[in-house]
Amino acid sequence: MNKNQIVEKLCSIQKEKKCFVVLDDVWTRDAWNSLKSGFPIGEETKSCILLTTRKKDVAEFAAENGFVHESRALDHKESWKLFKKIAIYGRDQTSMFLTS
């Protein structure tokens, strides 16, 4: 398939079906410009796109019909709590092996 065929297929699928598309870690406006033709933004679609980036200007540039959410970093205590919840979930010996 060439690029135009891929773009047409992506758009077609998103218009026919309800899709949740995640584009993770898009760093530049150029990267978004090269990807966006495959996603029917502003057109009638059942799909939703979540784009993540570390760059606020890229998020604002890409958010033509959406919104920008800025998350905050977890502090040490919150990070440790999340780590224990995910990495050691359900183990009785958690407190024996882990200390702050």
PDB file of N, CA and C in Angstrom:
ATOM      1  N   MET A   1       0.829  -1.185   0.000  1.00  0.00           N
ATOM      2  CA  MET A   1       0.000   0.000   0.000  1.00  0.00           C
ATOM      3  C   MET A   1       0.874   1.249   0.000  1.00  0.00           C
ATOM      4  N   ASN A   2       0.459   2.241  -0.755  1.00  0.00           N
ATOM      5  CA  ASN A   2       1.179   3.508  -0.696  1.00  0.00           C
ATOM      6  C   ASN A   2       0.552   4.405   0.373  1.00  0.00           C
ATOM      7  N   LYS A   3       1.152   5.560   0.602  1.00  0.00           N
ATOM      8  CA  LYS A   3       0.695   6.446   1.677  1.00  0.00           C
ATOM      9  C   LYS A   3      -0.760   6.866   1.483  1.00  0.00           C
ATOM     10  N   ASN A   4      -1.152   7.212   0.269  1.00  0.00           N
ATOM     11  CA  ASN A   4      -2.531   7.649   0.017  1.00  0.00           C
ATOM     12  C   ASN A   4      -3.538   6.543   0.310  1.00  0.00           C
ATOM     13  N   GLN A   5      -3.200   5.317  -0.028  1.00  0.00           N
ATOM     14  CA  GLN A   5      -4.094   4.188   0.248  1.00  0.00           C
ATOM     15  C   GLN A   5      -4.230   3.956   1.757  1.00  0.00           C
ATOM     16  N   ILE A   6      -3.135   4.095   2.473  1.00  0.00           N
ATOM     17  CA  ILE A   6      -3.167   3.930   3.928  1.00  0.00           C
ATOM     18  C   ILE A   6      -4.028   5.018   4.565  1.00  0.00           C
ATOM     19  N   VAL A   7      -3.854   6.259   4.119  1.00  0.00           N
ATOM     20  CA  VAL A   7      -4.645   7.379   4.640  1.00  0.00           C
ATOM     21  C   VAL A   7      -6.126   7.147   4.379  1.00  0.00           C
ATOM     22  N   GLU A   8      -6.468   6.744   3.158  1.00  0.00           N
ATOM     23  CA  GLU A   8      -7.868   6.475   2.810  1.00  0.00           C
ATOM     24  C   GLU A   8      -8.450   5.368   3.678  1.00  0.00           C
ATOM     25  N   LYS A   9      -7.686   4.306   3.893  1.00  0.00           N
ATOM     26  CA  LYS A   9      -8.150   3.180   4.709  1.00  0.00           C
ATOM     27  C   LYS A   9      -8.360   3.612   6.167  1.00  0.00           C
ATOM     28  N   LEU A  10      -7.399   4.342   6.721  1.00  0.00           N
ATOM     29  CA  LEU A  10      -7.534   4.840   8.097  1.00  0.00           C
ATOM     30  C   LEU A  10      -8.778   5.711   8.255  1.00  0.00           C
ATOM     31  N   CYS A  11      -8.977   6.638   7.332  1.00  0.00           N
ATOM     32  CA  CYS A  11     -10.144   7.529   7.395  1.00  0.00           C
ATOM     33  C   CYS A  11     -11.437   6.739   7.266  1.00  0.00           C
ATOM     34  N   SER A  12     -11.455   5.799   6.358  1.00  0.00           N
ATOM     35  CA  SER A  12     -12.646   4.985   6.126  1.00  0.00           C
ATOM     36  C   SER A  12     -13.032   4.195   7.378  1.00  0.00           C
ATOM     37  N   ILE A  13     -12.067   3.561   7.987  1.00  0.00           N
ATOM     38  CA  ILE A  13     -12.324   2.769   9.199  1.00  0.00           C
ATOM     39  C   ILE A  13     -12.861   3.655  10.315  1.00  0.00           C
ATOM     40  N   GLN A  14     -12.264   4.829  10.492  1.00  0.00           N
ATOM     41  CA  GLN A  14     -12.682   5.721  11.575  1.00  0.00           C
ATOM     42  C   GLN A  14     -14.061   6.323  11.348  1.00  0.00           C
ATOM     43  N   LYS A  15     -14.472   6.430  10.109  1.00  0.00           N
ATOM     44  CA  LYS A  15     -15.813   6.949   9.815  1.00  0.00           C
ATOM     45  C   LYS A  15     -16.876   5.870   9.989  1.00  0.00           C
ATOM     46  N   GLU A  16     -16.495   4.615   9.737  1.00  0.00           N
ATOM     47  CA  GLU A  16     -17.442   3.501   9.820  1.00  0.00           C
ATOM     48  C   GLU A  16     -17.596   2.959  11.240  1.00  0.00           C
ATOM     49  N   LYS A  17     -16.500   2.953  11.981  1.00  0.00           N
ATOM     50  CA  LYS A  17     -16.496   2.330  13.303  1.00  0.00           C
ATOM     51  C   LYS A  17     -16.087   3.338  14.363  1.00  0.00           C
ATOM     52  N   LYS A  18     -16.421   3.021  15.577  1.00  0.00           N
ATOM     53  CA  LYS A  18     -16.020   3.856  16.703  1.00  0.00           C
ATOM     54  C   LYS A  18     -14.628   3.409  17.141  1.00  0.00           C
ATOM     55  N   CYS A  19     -13.636   4.259  16.931  1.00  0.00           N
ATOM     56  CA  CYS A  19     -12.248   3.923  17.243  1.00  0.00           C
ATOM     57  C   CYS A  19     -11.700   4.882  18.297  1.00  0.00           C
ATOM     58  N   PHE A  20     -10.823   4.368  19.122  1.00  0.00           N
ATOM     59  CA  PHE A  20     -10.069   5.199  20.054  1.00  0.00           C
ATOM     60  C   PHE A  20      -8.611   5.039  19.660  1.00  0.00           C
ATOM     61  N   VAL A  21      -8.035   6.081  19.094  1.00  0.00           N
ATOM     62  CA  VAL A  21      -6.680   6.032  18.556  1.00  0.00           C
ATOM     63  C   VAL A  21      -5.751   6.789  19.495  1.00  0.00           C
ATOM     64  N   VAL A  22      -4.640   6.163  19.859  1.00  0.00           N
ATOM     65  CA  VAL A  22      -3.649   6.814  20.712  1.00  0.00           C
ATOM     66  C   VAL A  22      -2.377   7.023  19.902  1.00  0.00           C
ATOM     67  N   LEU A  23      -1.978   8.276  19.787  1.00  0.00           N
ATOM     68  CA  LEU A  23      -0.706   8.635  19.161  1.00  0.00           C
ATOM     69  C   LEU A  23       0.189   9.113  20.298  1.00  0.00           C
ATOM     70  N   ASP A  24       1.117   8.286  20.688  1.00  0.00           N
ATOM     71  CA  ASP A  24       1.908   8.538  21.889  1.00  0.00           C
ATOM     72  C   ASP A  24       3.242   9.200  21.569  1.00  0.00           C
ATOM     73  N   ASP A  25       3.555  10.245  22.310  1.00  0.00           N
ATOM     74  CA  ASP A  25       4.863  10.900  22.291  1.00  0.00           C
ATOM     75  C   ASP A  25       5.193  11.553  20.946  1.00  0.00           C
ATOM     76  N   VAL A  26       4.279  12.362  20.447  1.00  0.00           N
ATOM     77  CA  VAL A  26       4.511  13.129  19.217  1.00  0.00           C
ATOM     78  C   VAL A  26       5.319  14.366  19.603  1.00  0.00           C
ATOM     79  N   TRP A  27       6.515  14.502  19.051  1.00  0.00           N
ATOM     80  CA  TRP A  27       7.444  15.531  19.510  1.00  0.00           C
ATOM     81  C   TRP A  27       7.415  16.831  18.728  1.00  0.00           C
ATOM     82  N   THR A  28       7.028  16.785  17.460  1.00  0.00           N
ATOM     83  CA  THR A  28       7.128  17.999  16.648  1.00  0.00           C
ATOM     84  C   THR A  28       5.852  18.268  15.868  1.00  0.00           C
ATOM     85  N   ARG A  29       5.699  19.519  15.452  1.00  0.00           N
ATOM     86  CA  ARG A  29       4.574  19.886  14.595  1.00  0.00           C
ATOM     87  C   ARG A  29       4.668  19.143  13.264  1.00  0.00           C
ATOM     88  N   ASP A  30       5.881  18.996  12.760  1.00  0.00           N
ATOM     89  CA  ASP A  30       6.073  18.270  11.498  1.00  0.00           C
ATOM     90  C   ASP A  30       5.608  16.822  11.614  1.00  0.00           C
ATOM     91  N   ALA A  31       5.885  16.203  12.755  1.00  0.00           N
ATOM     92  CA  ALA A  31       5.437  14.814  12.963  1.00  0.00           C
ATOM     93  C   ALA A  31       3.915  14.752  12.924  1.00  0.00           C
ATOM     94  N   TRP A  32       3.249  15.691  13.608  1.00  0.00           N
ATOM     95  CA  TRP A  32       1.788  15.715  13.586  1.00  0.00           C
ATOM     96  C   TRP A  32       1.275  15.988  12.174  1.00  0.00           C
ATOM     97  N   ASN A  33       1.896  16.927  11.471  1.00  0.00           N
ATOM     98  CA  ASN A  33       1.470  17.228  10.101  1.00  0.00           C
ATOM     99  C   ASN A  33       1.559  16.007   9.197  1.00  0.00           C
ATOM    100  N   SER A  34       2.565  15.176   9.406  1.00  0.00           N
ATOM    101  CA  SER A  34       2.705  13.980   8.567  1.00  0.00           C
ATOM    102  C   SER A  34       1.705  12.889   8.941  1.00  0.00           C
ATOM    103  N   LEU A  35       1.176  12.926  10.164  1.00  0.00           N
ATOM    104  CA  LEU A  35       0.220  11.911  10.623  1.00  0.00           C
ATOM    105  C   LEU A  35      -1.240  12.305  10.426  1.00  0.00           C
ATOM    106  N   LYS A  36      -1.543  13.593  10.536  1.00  0.00           N
ATOM    107  CA  LYS A  36      -2.939  14.032  10.660  1.00  0.00           C
ATOM    108  C   LYS A  36      -3.815  13.743   9.456  1.00  0.00           C
ATOM    109  N   SER A  37      -3.245  13.572   8.289  1.00  0.00           N
ATOM    110  CA  SER A  37      -4.079  13.289   7.115  1.00  0.00           C
ATOM    111  C   SER A  37      -4.808  11.952   7.244  1.00  0.00           C
ATOM    112  N   GLY A  38      -4.335  11.077   8.103  1.00  0.00           N
ATOM    113  CA  GLY A  38      -4.980   9.783   8.310  1.00  0.00           C
ATOM    114  C   GLY A  38      -6.090   9.794   9.344  1.00  0.00           C
ATOM    115  N   PHE A  39      -6.341  10.971   9.913  1.00  0.00           N
ATOM    116  CA  PHE A  39      -7.346  11.074  10.967  1.00  0.00           C
ATOM    117  C   PHE A  39      -8.335  12.182  10.621  1.00  0.00           C
ATOM    118  N   PRO A  40      -9.592  11.829  10.419  1.00  0.00           N
ATOM    119  CA  PRO A  40     -10.599  12.792   9.944  1.00  0.00           C
ATOM    120  C   PRO A  40     -11.025  13.801  11.011  1.00  0.00           C
ATOM    121  N   ILE A  41     -10.142  14.714  11.322  1.00  0.00           N
ATOM    122  CA  ILE A  41     -10.420  15.739  12.323  1.00  0.00           C
ATOM    123  C   ILE A  41     -11.393  16.756  11.743  1.00  0.00           C
ATOM    124  N   GLY A  42     -12.382  17.108  12.526  1.00  0.00           N
ATOM    125  CA  GLY A  42     -13.339  18.108  12.087  1.00  0.00           C
ATOM    126  C   GLY A  42     -14.432  17.553  11.197  1.00  0.00           C
ATOM    127  N   GLU A  43     -14.288  16.335  10.759  1.00  0.00           N
ATOM    128  CA  GLU A  43     -15.309  15.696   9.946  1.00  0.00           C
ATOM    129  C   GLU A  43     -16.194  14.845  10.850  1.00  0.00           C
ATOM    130  N   GLU A  44     -17.319  14.451  10.315  1.00  0.00           N
ATOM    131  CA  GLU A  44     -18.211  13.595  11.095  1.00  0.00           C
ATOM    132  C   GLU A  44     -17.572  12.216  11.229  1.00  0.00           C
ATOM    133  N   THR A  45     -17.286  11.845  12.450  1.00  0.00           N
ATOM    134  CA  THR A  45     -16.641  10.563  12.718  1.00  0.00           C
ATOM    135  C   THR A  45     -17.080  10.063  14.088  1.00  0.00           C
ATOM    136  N   LYS A  46     -16.985   8.785  14.264  1.00  0.00           N
ATOM    137  CA  LYS A  46     -17.319   8.179  15.552  1.00  0.00           C
ATOM    138  C   LYS A  46     -16.071   7.985  16.401  1.00  0.00           C
ATOM    139  N   SER A  47     -14.945   8.386  15.866  1.00  0.00           N
ATOM    140  CA  SER A  47     -13.666   8.112  16.512  1.00  0.00           C
ATOM    141  C   SER A  47     -13.178   9.245  17.395  1.00  0.00           C
ATOM    142  N   CYS A  48     -12.235   8.887  18.257  1.00  0.00           N
ATOM    143  CA  CYS A  48     -11.608   9.837  19.168  1.00  0.00           C
ATOM    144  C   CYS A  48     -10.098   9.617  19.096  1.00  0.00           C
ATOM    145  N   ILE A  49      -9.349  10.709  19.097  1.00  0.00           N
ATOM    146  CA  ILE A  49      -7.892  10.619  19.037  1.00  0.00           C
ATOM    147  C   ILE A  49      -7.306  11.206  20.311  1.00  0.00           C
ATOM    148  N   LEU A  50      -6.398  10.463  20.924  1.00  0.00           N
ATOM    149  CA  LEU A  50      -5.640  10.950  22.073  1.00  0.00           C
ATOM    150  C   LEU A  50      -4.193  11.070  21.626  1.00  0.00           C
ATOM    151  N   LEU A  51      -3.676  12.279  21.656  1.00  0.00           N
ATOM    152  CA  LEU A  51      -2.296  12.528  21.265  1.00  0.00           C
ATOM    153  C   LEU A  51      -1.531  12.943  22.513  1.00  0.00           C
ATOM    154  N   THR A  52      -0.432  12.275  22.782  1.00  0.00           N
ATOM    155  CA  THR A  52       0.401  12.669  23.915  1.00  0.00           C
ATOM    156  C   THR A  52       1.688  13.279  23.389  1.00  0.00           C
ATOM    157  N   THR A  53       2.177  14.266  24.119  1.00  0.00           N
ATOM    158  CA  THR A  53       3.420  14.939  23.757  1.00  0.00           C
ATOM    159  C   THR A  53       4.009  15.589  24.997  1.00  0.00           C
ATOM    160  N   ARG A  54       5.287  15.830  24.949  1.00  0.00           N
ATOM    161  CA  ARG A  54       5.948  16.545  26.043  1.00  0.00           C
ATOM    162  C   ARG A  54       6.007  18.040  25.755  1.00  0.00           C
ATOM    163  N   LYS A  55       5.579  18.413  24.569  1.00  0.00           N
ATOM    164  CA  LYS A  55       5.708  19.792  24.107  1.00  0.00           C
ATOM    165  C   LYS A  55       4.350  20.476  24.052  1.00  0.00           C
ATOM    166  N   LYS A  56       4.185  21.516  24.848  1.00  0.00           N
ATOM    167  CA  LYS A  56       2.908  22.226  24.904  1.00  0.00           C
ATOM    168  C   LYS A  56       2.551  22.833  23.551  1.00  0.00           C
ATOM    169  N   ASP A  57       3.534  23.370  22.822  1.00  0.00           N
ATOM    170  CA  ASP A  57       3.239  23.984  21.530  1.00  0.00           C
ATOM    171  C   ASP A  57       2.739  22.957  20.518  1.00  0.00           C
ATOM    172  N   VAL A  58       3.227  21.728  20.596  1.00  0.00           N
ATOM    173  CA  VAL A  58       2.751  20.665  19.703  1.00  0.00           C
ATOM    174  C   VAL A  58       1.306  20.314  20.053  1.00  0.00           C
ATOM    175  N   ALA A  59       1.010  20.225  21.335  1.00  0.00           N
ATOM    176  CA  ALA A  59      -0.357  19.912  21.771  1.00  0.00           C
ATOM    177  C   ALA A  59      -1.328  20.989  21.313  1.00  0.00           C
ATOM    178  N   GLU A  60      -0.959  22.241  21.501  1.00  0.00           N
ATOM    179  CA  GLU A  60      -1.832  23.338  21.089  1.00  0.00           C
ATOM    180  C   GLU A  60      -2.004  23.374  19.575  1.00  0.00           C
ATOM    181  N   PHE A  61      -0.950  23.088  18.844  1.00  0.00           N
ATOM    182  CA  PHE A  61      -0.996  23.052  17.383  1.00  0.00           C
ATOM    183  C   PHE A  61      -1.920  21.936  16.893  1.00  0.00           C
ATOM    184  N   ALA A  62      -1.861  20.786  17.547  1.00  0.00           N
ATOM    185  CA  ALA A  62      -2.657  19.625  17.129  1.00  0.00           C
ATOM    186  C   ALA A  62      -4.108  19.708  17.580  1.00  0.00           C
ATOM    187  N   ALA A  63      -4.401  20.532  18.574  1.00  0.00           N
ATOM    188  CA  ALA A  63      -5.736  20.572  19.185  1.00  0.00           C
ATOM    189  C   ALA A  63      -6.685  21.519  18.456  1.00  0.00           C
ATOM    190  N   GLU A  64      -6.828  21.351  17.150  1.00  0.00           N
ATOM    191  CA  GLU A  64      -7.711  22.216  16.361  1.00  0.00           C
ATOM    192  C   GLU A  64      -9.152  22.145  16.859  1.00  0.00           C
ATOM    193  N   ASN A  65      -9.643  20.950  17.086  1.00  0.00           N
ATOM    194  CA  ASN A  65     -11.025  20.752  17.530  1.00  0.00           C
ATOM    195  C   ASN A  65     -11.088  20.026  18.867  1.00  0.00           C
ATOM    196  N   GLY A  66     -10.035  20.116  19.631  1.00  0.00           N
ATOM    197  CA  GLY A  66      -9.987  19.403  20.904  1.00  0.00           C
ATOM    198  C   GLY A  66      -9.539  20.327  22.009  1.00  0.00           C
ATOM    199  N   PHE A  67      -8.922  19.746  23.007  1.00  0.00           N
ATOM    200  CA  PHE A  67      -8.418  20.551  24.116  1.00  0.00           C
ATOM    201  C   PHE A  67      -7.094  19.985  24.595  1.00  0.00           C
ATOM    202  N   VAL A  68      -6.366  20.816  25.310  1.00  0.00           N
ATOM    203  CA  VAL A  68      -5.060  20.435  25.833  1.00  0.00           C
ATOM    204  C   VAL A  68      -5.187  20.241  27.339  1.00  0.00           C
ATOM    205  N   HIS A  69      -4.721  19.102  27.814  1.00  0.00           N
ATOM    206  CA  HIS A  69      -4.689  18.827  29.253  1.00  0.00           C
ATOM    207  C   HIS A  69      -3.232  18.731  29.670  1.00  0.00           C
ATOM    208  N   GLU A  70      -2.836  19.565  30.609  1.00  0.00           N
ATOM    209  CA  GLU A  70      -1.473  19.507  31.133  1.00  0.00           C
ATOM    210  C   GLU A  70      -1.485  18.742  32.443  1.00  0.00           C
ATOM    211  N   SER A  71      -0.794  17.616  32.466  1.00  0.00           N
ATOM    212  CA  SER A  71      -0.714  16.848  33.707  1.00  0.00           C
ATOM    213  C   SER A  71       0.482  17.336  34.514  1.00  0.00           C
ATOM    214  N   ARG A  72       0.450  17.084  35.778  1.00  0.00           N
ATOM    215  CA  ARG A  72       1.565  17.467  36.640  1.00  0.00           C
ATOM    216  C   ARG A  72       2.342  16.210  37.015  1.00  0.00           C
ATOM    217  N   ALA A  73       3.592  16.398  37.339  1.00  0.00           N
ATOM    218  CA  ALA A  73       4.421  15.277  37.773  1.00  0.00           C
ATOM    219  C   ALA A  73       4.021  14.865  39.188  1.00  0.00           C
ATOM    220  N   LEU A  74       4.129  13.581  39.464  1.00  0.00           N
ATOM    221  CA  LEU A  74       3.867  13.090  40.819  1.00  0.00           C
ATOM    222  C   LEU A  74       5.042  13.451  41.721  1.00  0.00           C
ATOM    223  N   ASP A  75       4.745  13.755  42.978  1.00  0.00           N
ATOM    224  CA  ASP A  75       5.836  13.971  43.921  1.00  0.00           C
ATOM    225  C   ASP A  75       6.361  12.599  44.369  1.00  0.00           C
ATOM    226  N   HIS A  76       7.405  12.603  45.196  1.00  0.00           N
ATOM    227  CA  HIS A  76       8.041  11.345  45.616  1.00  0.00           C
ATOM    228  C   HIS A  76       7.047  10.408  46.307  1.00  0.00           C
ATOM    229  N   LYS A  77       6.250  10.952  47.207  1.00  0.00           N
ATOM    230  CA  LYS A  77       5.298  10.130  47.963  1.00  0.00           C
ATOM    231  C   LYS A  77       4.247   9.513  47.030  1.00  0.00           C
ATOM    232  N   GLU A  78       3.711  10.317  46.119  1.00  0.00           N
ATOM    233  CA  GLU A  78       2.707   9.814  45.175  1.00  0.00           C
ATOM    234  C   GLU A  78       3.308   8.766  44.232  1.00  0.00           C
ATOM    235  N   SER A  79       4.534   9.015  43.786  1.00  0.00           N
ATOM    236  CA  SER A  79       5.218   8.066  42.896  1.00  0.00           C
ATOM    237  C   SER A  79       5.426   6.723  43.581  1.00  0.00           C
ATOM    238  N   TRP A  80       5.884   6.762  44.819  1.00  0.00           N
ATOM    239  CA  TRP A  80       6.135   5.539  45.579  1.00  0.00           C
ATOM    240  C   TRP A  80       4.847   4.763  45.801  1.00  0.00           C
ATOM    241  N   LYS A  81       3.767   5.473  46.134  1.00  0.00           N
ATOM    242  CA  LYS A  81       2.466   4.841  46.353  1.00  0.00           C
ATOM    243  C   LYS A  81       1.985   4.152  45.070  1.00  0.00           C
ATOM    244  N   LEU A  82       2.124   4.825  43.944  1.00  0.00           N
ATOM    245  CA  LEU A  82       1.714   4.241  42.666  1.00  0.00           C
ATOM    246  C   LEU A  82       2.583   3.033  42.312  1.00  0.00           C
ATOM    247  N   PHE A  83       3.890   3.144  42.525  1.00  0.00           N
ATOM    248  CA  PHE A  83       4.790   2.027  42.249  1.00  0.00           C
ATOM    249  C   PHE A  83       4.394   0.796  43.057  1.00  0.00           C
ATOM    250  N   LYS A  84       4.162   0.989  44.356  1.00  0.00           N
ATOM    251  CA  LYS A  84       3.787  -0.145  45.205  1.00  0.00           C
ATOM    252  C   LYS A  84       2.465  -0.753  44.749  1.00  0.00           C
ATOM    253  N   LYS A  85       1.526   0.084  44.380  1.00  0.00           N
ATOM    254  CA  LYS A  85       0.214  -0.400  43.945  1.00  0.00           C
ATOM    255  C   LYS A  85       0.329  -1.253  42.678  1.00  0.00           C
ATOM    256  N   ILE A  86       1.154  -0.823  41.749  1.00  0.00           N
ATOM    257  CA  ILE A  86       1.274  -1.537  40.475  1.00  0.00           C
ATOM    258  C   ILE A  86       2.227  -2.726  40.573  1.00  0.00           C
ATOM    259  N   ALA A  87       3.402  -2.513  41.153  1.00  0.00           N
ATOM    260  CA  ALA A  87       4.444  -3.545  41.145  1.00  0.00           C
ATOM    261  C   ALA A  87       4.239  -4.632  42.187  1.00  0.00           C
ATOM    262  N   ILE A  88       3.628  -4.324  43.289  1.00  0.00           N
ATOM    263  CA  ILE A  88       3.535  -5.278  44.385  1.00  0.00           C
ATOM    264  C   ILE A  88       2.086  -5.560  44.748  1.00  0.00           C
ATOM    265  N   TYR A  89       1.164  -5.339  43.870  1.00  0.00           N
ATOM    266  CA  TYR A  89      -0.260  -5.483  44.172  1.00  0.00           C
ATOM    267  C   TYR A  89      -0.574  -6.878  44.714  1.00  0.00           C
ATOM    268  N   GLY A  90      -1.246  -6.916  45.853  1.00  0.00           N
ATOM    269  CA  GLY A  90      -1.740  -8.173  46.391  1.00  0.00           C
ATOM    270  C   GLY A  90      -0.754  -9.025  47.159  1.00  0.00           C
ATOM    271  N   ARG A  91       0.460  -8.569  47.349  1.00  0.00           N
ATOM    272  CA  ARG A  91       1.438  -9.368  48.094  1.00  0.00           C
ATOM    273  C   ARG A  91       1.423  -8.975  49.563  1.00  0.00           C
ATOM    274  N   ASP A  92       1.434  -9.969  50.434  1.00  0.00           N
ATOM    275  CA  ASP A  92       1.395  -9.717  51.875  1.00  0.00           C
ATOM    276  C   ASP A  92       2.728  -9.200  52.416  1.00  0.00           C
ATOM    277  N   GLN A  93       3.812  -9.526  51.754  1.00  0.00           N
ATOM    278  CA  GLN A  93       5.134  -9.181  52.263  1.00  0.00           C
ATOM    279  C   GLN A  93       5.598  -7.787  51.853  1.00  0.00           C
ATOM    280  N   THR A  94       4.744  -6.968  51.318  1.00  0.00           N
ATOM    281  CA  THR A  94       5.142  -5.655  50.825  1.00  0.00           C
ATOM    282  C   THR A  94       5.960  -4.878  51.845  1.00  0.00           C
ATOM    283  N   SER A  95       5.467  -4.767  53.047  1.00  0.00           N
ATOM    284  CA  SER A  95       6.153  -3.954  54.053  1.00  0.00           C
ATOM    285  C   SER A  95       7.477  -4.566  54.497  1.00  0.00           C
ATOM    286  N   MET A  96       7.654  -5.876  54.340  1.00  0.00           N
ATOM    287  CA  MET A  96       8.901  -6.519  54.743  1.00  0.00           C
ATOM    288  C   MET A  96      10.055  -6.137  53.822  1.00  0.00           C
ATOM    289  N   PHE A  97       9.759  -5.917  52.536  1.00  0.00           N
ATOM    290  CA  PHE A  97      10.820  -5.713  51.556  1.00  0.00           C
ATOM    291  C   PHE A  97      10.981  -4.270  51.105  1.00  0.00           C
ATOM    292  N   LEU A  98       9.975  -3.464  51.286  1.00  0.00           N
ATOM    293  CA  LEU A  98      10.032  -2.101  50.774  1.00  0.00           C
ATOM    294  C   LEU A  98       9.994  -1.086  51.902  1.00  0.00           C
ATOM    295  N   THR A  99      10.876  -0.123  51.811  1.00  0.00           N
ATOM    296  CA  THR A  99      10.845   1.002  52.738  1.00  0.00           C
ATOM    297  C   THR A  99      10.948   2.273  51.919  1.00  0.00           C
ATOM    298  N   SER A 100      10.494   3.346  52.476  1.00  0.00           N
ATOM    299  CA  SER A 100      10.495   4.626  51.750  1.00  0.00           C
ATOM    300  C   SER A 100      11.886   5.129  51.494  1.00  0.00           C
TER     301      SER A 100
END
